[in-house]
Amino acid sequence: MHVLRTVVPDALLLDPSRRGAGESRKAVRHPDPAAFPVRRRRRIAHGAVYGLHGHGTGAVLLGVPSGTGYAVVIDTRPRAETFGRVAVASLDGPRALLVPAGCLYGVQALTDRAAVEVRSATREPRAQRLSADPDDPDLQLRWLVPRLLRTPREDRSWAGLCTRLGAPPGPRRDRVSLW
């Protein structure tokens, strides 16, 4: 399995169809999909976004088993030096993304009726899940299929999430990096 580290620490792009340990010579332990038994699958229309969601206590394995999706990971761990950093990648078929606890993830469908699969070790109660509106102008996200920016409700805004996490308020300022 080819494992590629990202600019968001502990977020890994996994490609079982390729061999190799990724760009690092150090061994990178890749997750066993059996460790993520809870599955949720959604079909989304071309240009629609599934997310932004996050789990506060456990990692998530994110994939697009049919169709193609544009995945976004945002580091929302307030104590991390990389708070607010965004990494993006294209997901399709066997490629998957390991999203660490405390990070938001979202997928935009690049093909019609793309299937987004989210796997986790447990299903967190809704009150413990992280979320933000993918079209919040404070996030400064550039989706591949353009979307209208809108002012979200306070409980779904980036500013509201920052307040809940005890993080510095204001627009997300860190750079976006491709894997």
C-alpha atoms as a PDB file:
ATOM      1  CA  MET A   1       0.000   0.000   0.000  1.00  0.00           C
ATOM      2  CA  HIS A   2       1.232   3.464  -0.887  1.00  0.00           C
ATOM      3  CA  VAL A   3       0.893   5.858   2.078  1.00  0.00           C
ATOM      4  CA  LEU A   4       1.387   9.572   1.619  1.00  0.00           C
ATOM      5  CA  ARG A   5       1.679  11.987   4.536  1.00  0.00           C
ATOM      6  CA  THR A   6      -0.075  15.317   4.217  1.00  0.00           C
ATOM      7  CA  VAL A   7       0.441  18.847   5.504  1.00  0.00           C
ATOM      8  CA  VAL A   8      -2.165  18.082   8.177  1.00  0.00           C
ATOM      9  CA  PRO A   9      -0.303  15.925  10.720  1.00  0.00           C
ATOM     10  CA  ASP A  10      -1.652  12.358  10.992  1.00  0.00           C
ATOM     11  CA  ALA A  11      -3.850  12.761   7.885  1.00  0.00           C
ATOM     12  CA  LEU A  12      -2.766  10.090   5.402  1.00  0.00           C
ATOM     13  CA  LEU A  13      -3.682   9.441   1.782  1.00  0.00           C
ATOM     14  CA  LEU A  14      -3.857   5.665   1.276  1.00  0.00           C
ATOM     15  CA  ASP A  15      -3.658   3.922  -2.096  1.00  0.00           C
ATOM     16  CA  PRO A  16      -3.804   0.112  -1.883  1.00  0.00           C
ATOM     17  CA  SER A  17      -3.430  -0.219  -5.670  1.00  0.00           C
ATOM     18  CA  ARG A  18       0.162   1.086  -5.510  1.00  0.00           C
ATOM     19  CA  ARG A  19       3.129  -0.313  -3.626  1.00  0.00           C
ATOM     20  CA  GLY A  20       5.513   1.723  -1.527  1.00  0.00           C
ATOM     21  CA  ALA A  21       5.724   3.569   1.762  1.00  0.00           C
ATOM     22  CA  GLY A  22       5.090   7.032   0.340  1.00  0.00           C
ATOM     23  CA  GLU A  23       7.559   9.870   0.300  1.00  0.00           C
ATOM     24  CA  SER A  24       9.151   9.076   3.653  1.00  0.00           C
ATOM     25  CA  ARG A  25      11.791   6.414   4.215  1.00  0.00           C
ATOM     26  CA  LYS A  26      10.459   5.848   7.715  1.00  0.00           C
ATOM     27  CA  ALA A  27       7.838   3.159   7.916  1.00  0.00           C
ATOM     28  CA  VAL A  28       4.332   4.594   8.024  1.00  0.00           C
ATOM     29  CA  ARG A  29       1.791   2.364   9.715  1.00  0.00           C
ATOM     30  CA  HIS A  30      -1.361   2.254   7.706  1.00  0.00           C
ATOM     31  CA  PRO A  31      -4.726   1.512   9.263  1.00  0.00           C
ATOM     32  CA  ASP A  32      -6.533  -1.761   8.919  1.00  0.00           C
ATOM     33  CA  PRO A  33     -10.015  -1.077   7.457  1.00  0.00           C
ATOM     34  CA  ALA A  34     -11.381  -3.713   9.873  1.00  0.00           C
ATOM     35  CA  ALA A  35     -10.581  -1.250  12.677  1.00  0.00           C
ATOM     36  CA  PHE A  36     -13.296   1.034  11.226  1.00  0.00           C
ATOM     37  CA  PRO A  37     -16.440  -1.149  11.295  1.00  0.00           C
ATOM     38  CA  VAL A  38     -19.095   1.589  11.459  1.00  0.00           C
ATOM     39  CA  ARG A  39     -20.015   2.596   7.910  1.00  0.00           C
ATOM     40  CA  ARG A  40     -22.103   5.394   6.528  1.00  0.00           C
ATOM     41  CA  ARG A  41     -22.577   5.784   2.797  1.00  0.00           C
ATOM     42  CA  ARG A  42     -24.174   8.695   0.944  1.00  0.00           C
ATOM     43  CA  ARG A  43     -24.727   9.321  -2.753  1.00  0.00           C
ATOM     44  CA  ILE A  44     -24.328  12.967  -3.681  1.00  0.00           C
ATOM     45  CA  ALA A  45     -25.075  14.835  -6.910  1.00  0.00           C
ATOM     46  CA  HIS A  46     -22.428  16.490  -9.085  1.00  0.00           C
ATOM     47  CA  GLY A  47     -21.136  19.639  -7.345  1.00  0.00           C
ATOM     48  CA  ALA A  48     -22.794  18.849  -4.003  1.00  0.00           C
ATOM     49  CA  VAL A  49     -20.676  18.728  -0.839  1.00  0.00           C
ATOM     50  CA  TYR A  50     -20.897  16.088   1.881  1.00  0.00           C
ATOM     51  CA  GLY A  51     -19.545  17.677   5.057  1.00  0.00           C
ATOM     52  CA  LEU A  52     -17.865  19.478   6.686  1.00  0.00           C
ATOM     53  CA  HIS A  53     -17.903  17.022   9.564  1.00  0.00           C
ATOM     54  CA  GLY A  54     -15.403  15.819  12.134  1.00  0.00           C
ATOM     55  CA  HIS A  55     -15.058  13.452  15.062  1.00  0.00           C
ATOM     56  CA  GLY A  56     -13.566  14.786  18.258  1.00  0.00           C
ATOM     57  CA  THR A  57     -12.336  11.486  19.683  1.00  0.00           C
ATOM     58  CA  GLY A  58     -11.609   9.058  16.849  1.00  0.00           C
ATOM     59  CA  ALA A  59     -10.110   8.896  13.376  1.00  0.00           C
ATOM     60  CA  VAL A  60     -12.250   8.481  10.264  1.00  0.00           C
ATOM     61  CA  LEU A  61     -11.497   6.578   7.063  1.00  0.00           C
ATOM     62  CA  LEU A  62     -12.991   8.483   4.124  1.00  0.00           C
ATOM     63  CA  GLY A  63     -13.403   7.090   0.611  1.00  0.00           C
ATOM     64  CA  VAL A  64     -15.289   7.494  -2.650  1.00  0.00           C
ATOM     65  CA  PRO A  65     -15.839   3.898  -3.868  1.00  0.00           C
ATOM     66  CA  SER A  66     -17.821   4.958  -6.951  1.00  0.00           C
ATOM     67  CA  GLY A  67     -17.409   8.169  -8.871  1.00  0.00           C
ATOM     68  CA  THR A  68     -14.838  10.832  -8.062  1.00  0.00           C
ATOM     69  CA  GLY A  69     -14.700  13.272  -5.172  1.00  0.00           C
ATOM     70  CA  TYR A  70     -12.612  16.264  -4.156  1.00  0.00           C
ATOM     71  CA  ALA A  71     -11.697  15.755  -0.492  1.00  0.00           C
ATOM     72  CA  VAL A  72     -10.847  18.554   1.928  1.00  0.00           C
ATOM     73  CA  VAL A  73      -9.321  18.141   5.410  1.00  0.00           C
ATOM     74  CA  ILE A  74      -9.111  21.108   7.793  1.00  0.00           C
ATOM     75  CA  ASP A  75      -7.032  20.881  10.962  1.00  0.00           C
ATOM     76  CA  THR A  76      -9.322  22.095  13.771  1.00  0.00           C
ATOM     77  CA  ARG A  77      -7.150  21.064  16.700  1.00  0.00           C
ATOM     78  CA  PRO A  78      -6.713  24.405  18.539  1.00  0.00           C
ATOM     79  CA  ARG A  79      -3.405  23.485  20.188  1.00  0.00           C
ATOM     80  CA  ALA A  80      -1.807  22.283  16.946  1.00  0.00           C
ATOM     81  CA  GLU A  81       0.651  24.535  15.125  1.00  0.00           C
ATOM     82  CA  THR A  82      -1.230  23.593  11.979  1.00  0.00           C
ATOM     83  CA  PHE A  83      -4.641  24.853  13.181  1.00  0.00           C
ATOM     84  CA  GLY A  84      -6.628  25.982  10.138  1.00  0.00           C
ATOM     85  CA  ARG A  85      -4.359  24.256   7.613  1.00  0.00           C
ATOM     86  CA  VAL A  86      -6.190  22.706   4.668  1.00  0.00           C
ATOM     87  CA  ALA A  87      -5.110  19.770   2.537  1.00  0.00           C
ATOM     88  CA  VAL A  88      -7.014  18.610  -0.551  1.00  0.00           C
ATOM     89  CA  ALA A  89      -6.933  15.567  -2.829  1.00  0.00           C
ATOM     90  CA  SER A  90      -8.956  13.717  -5.404  1.00  0.00           C
ATOM     91  CA  LEU A  91     -10.480  10.442  -4.172  1.00  0.00           C
ATOM     92  CA  ASP A  92     -11.813   7.607  -6.281  1.00  0.00           C
ATOM     93  CA  GLY A  93     -11.929   3.821  -6.230  1.00  0.00           C
ATOM     94  CA  PRO A  94      -9.481   2.247  -3.801  1.00  0.00           C
ATOM     95  CA  ARG A  95      -7.871   5.502  -2.611  1.00  0.00           C
ATOM     96  CA  ALA A  96      -8.898   6.536   0.898  1.00  0.00           C
ATOM     97  CA  LEU A  97      -8.088   9.269   3.339  1.00  0.00           C
ATOM     98  CA  LEU A  98      -7.387   8.753   7.028  1.00  0.00           C
ATOM     99  CA  VAL A  99      -8.693  11.836   8.856  1.00  0.00           C
ATOM    100  CA  PRO A 100      -7.364  12.223  12.413  1.00  0.00           C
ATOM    101  CA  ALA A 101      -9.590  13.049  15.370  1.00  0.00           C
ATOM    102  CA  GLY A 102     -10.251  16.752  15.683  1.00  0.00           C
ATOM    103  CA  CYS A 103     -10.160  17.544  11.958  1.00  0.00           C
ATOM    104  CA  LEU A 104     -13.015  18.468   9.637  1.00  0.00           C
ATOM    105  CA  TYR A 105     -13.514  16.628   6.357  1.00  0.00           C
ATOM    106  CA  GLY A 106     -15.719  17.150   3.350  1.00  0.00           C
ATOM    107  CA  VAL A 107     -16.100  15.745  -0.150  1.00  0.00           C
ATOM    108  CA  GLN A 108     -17.428  17.472  -3.260  1.00  0.00           C
ATOM    109  CA  ALA A 109     -18.795  15.156  -5.957  1.00  0.00           C
ATOM    110  CA  LEU A 110     -16.978  15.619  -9.258  1.00  0.00           C
ATOM    111  CA  THR A 111     -19.177  13.040 -11.003  1.00  0.00           C
ATOM    112  CA  ASP A 112     -22.917  12.540 -10.798  1.00  0.00           C
ATOM    113  CA  ARG A 113     -24.115  10.405  -7.881  1.00  0.00           C
ATOM    114  CA  ALA A 114     -20.686   9.821  -6.392  1.00  0.00           C
ATOM    115  CA  ALA A 115     -20.780   7.548  -3.335  1.00  0.00           C
ATOM    116  CA  VAL A 116     -19.027   8.881  -0.235  1.00  0.00           C
ATOM    117  CA  GLU A 117     -18.188   6.288   2.419  1.00  0.00           C
ATOM    118  CA  VAL A 118     -17.239   7.252   5.963  1.00  0.00           C
ATOM    119  CA  ARG A 119     -15.903   4.570   8.299  1.00  0.00           C
ATOM    120  CA  SER A 120     -15.135   4.985  11.989  1.00  0.00           C
ATOM    121  CA  ALA A 121     -14.436   2.835  15.029  1.00  0.00           C
ATOM    122  CA  THR A 122     -17.542   4.122  16.826  1.00  0.00           C
ATOM    123  CA  ARG A 123     -20.461   6.381  16.084  1.00  0.00           C
ATOM    124  CA  GLU A 124     -20.091   9.546  18.131  1.00  0.00           C
ATOM    125  CA  PRO A 125     -23.138  11.277  19.589  1.00  0.00           C
ATOM    126  CA  ARG A 126     -24.212  14.275  17.505  1.00  0.00           C
ATOM    127  CA  ALA A 127     -23.326  16.675  20.343  1.00  0.00           C
ATOM    128  CA  GLN A 128     -19.659  15.562  20.216  1.00  0.00           C
ATOM    129  CA  ARG A 129     -19.282  15.822  16.432  1.00  0.00           C
ATOM    130  CA  LEU A 130     -17.657  18.822  14.826  1.00  0.00           C
ATOM    131  CA  SER A 131     -19.286  20.579  11.893  1.00  0.00           C
ATOM    132  CA  ALA A 132     -19.110  23.717   9.794  1.00  0.00           C
ATOM    133  CA  ASP A 133     -20.887  24.991   6.707  1.00  0.00           C
ATOM    134  CA  PRO A 134     -18.751  24.213   3.619  1.00  0.00           C
ATOM    135  CA  ASP A 135     -19.839  27.496   2.010  1.00  0.00           C
ATOM    136  CA  ASP A 136     -18.912  29.766   4.942  1.00  0.00           C
ATOM    137  CA  PRO A 137     -16.868  32.678   3.510  1.00  0.00           C
ATOM    138  CA  ASP A 138     -14.624  32.661   6.622  1.00  0.00           C
ATOM    139  CA  LEU A 139     -13.330  29.205   5.607  1.00  0.00           C
ATOM    140  CA  GLN A 140     -12.050  30.554   2.276  1.00  0.00           C
ATOM    141  CA  LEU A 141     -12.440  27.157   0.590  1.00  0.00           C
ATOM    142  CA  ARG A 142     -12.182  26.931  -3.189  1.00  0.00           C
ATOM    143  CA  TRP A 143     -14.306  24.046  -4.395  1.00  0.00           C
ATOM    144  CA  LEU A 144     -13.589  22.645  -7.872  1.00  0.00           C
ATOM    145  CA  VAL A 145     -17.222  23.073  -8.871  1.00  0.00           C
ATOM    146  CA  PRO A 146     -17.967  26.695  -7.830  1.00  0.00           C
ATOM    147  CA  ARG A 147     -20.534  27.189  -5.082  1.00  0.00           C
ATOM    148  CA  LEU A 148     -22.279  30.255  -3.718  1.00  0.00           C
ATOM    149  CA  LEU A 149     -20.868  31.650  -0.489  1.00  0.00           C
ATOM    150  CA  ARG A 150     -23.461  32.175   2.207  1.00  0.00           C
ATOM    151  CA  THR A 151     -23.688  33.293   5.780  1.00  0.00           C
ATOM    152  CA  PRO A 152     -24.369  30.173   7.847  1.00  0.00           C
ATOM    153  CA  ARG A 153     -26.257  29.889  11.101  1.00  0.00           C
ATOM    154  CA  GLU A 154     -24.048  30.566  14.132  1.00  0.00           C
ATOM    155  CA  ASP A 155     -23.986  26.881  15.146  1.00  0.00           C
ATOM    156  CA  ARG A 156     -22.674  25.905  11.663  1.00  0.00           C
ATOM    157  CA  SER A 157     -20.224  28.783  11.142  1.00  0.00           C
ATOM    158  CA  TRP A 158     -16.423  28.670  11.294  1.00  0.00           C
ATOM    159  CA  ALA A 159     -16.520  31.433  13.941  1.00  0.00           C
ATOM    160  CA  GLY A 160     -18.986  29.400  16.024  1.00  0.00           C
ATOM    161  CA  LEU A 161     -16.795  26.292  15.779  1.00  0.00           C
ATOM    162  CA  CYS A 162     -13.707  28.288  16.809  1.00  0.00           C
ATOM    163  CA  THR A 163     -15.583  29.615  19.841  1.00  0.00           C
ATOM    164  CA  ARG A 164     -16.728  26.095  20.780  1.00  0.00           C
ATOM    165  CA  LEU A 165     -13.151  24.763  20.490  1.00  0.00           C
ATOM    166  CA  GLY A 166     -11.562  27.715  22.310  1.00  0.00           C
ATOM    167  CA  ALA A 167      -9.568  28.623  19.199  1.00  0.00           C
ATOM    168  CA  PRO A 168      -8.736  32.094  17.900  1.00  0.00           C
ATOM    169  CA  PRO A 169     -11.710  33.560  16.023  1.00  0.00           C
ATOM    170  CA  GLY A 170     -11.582  35.115  12.581  1.00  0.00           C
ATOM    171  CA  PRO A 171     -11.207  33.837   9.035  1.00  0.00           C
ATOM    172  CA  ARG A 172      -9.120  30.729   8.439  1.00  0.00           C
ATOM    173  CA  ARG A 173      -5.702  32.066   7.467  1.00  0.00           C
ATOM    174  CA  ASP A 174      -3.409  29.117   6.825  1.00  0.00           C
ATOM    175  CA  ARG A 175      -2.471  28.023   3.341  1.00  0.00           C
ATOM    176  CA  VAL A 176      -4.052  25.287   1.277  1.00  0.00           C
ATOM    177  CA  SER A 177      -1.715  22.501   0.200  1.00  0.00           C
ATOM    178  CA  LEU A 178      -2.137  19.689  -2.285  1.00  0.00           C
ATOM    179  CA  TRP A 179      -0.839  16.244  -1.433  1.00  0.00           C
END
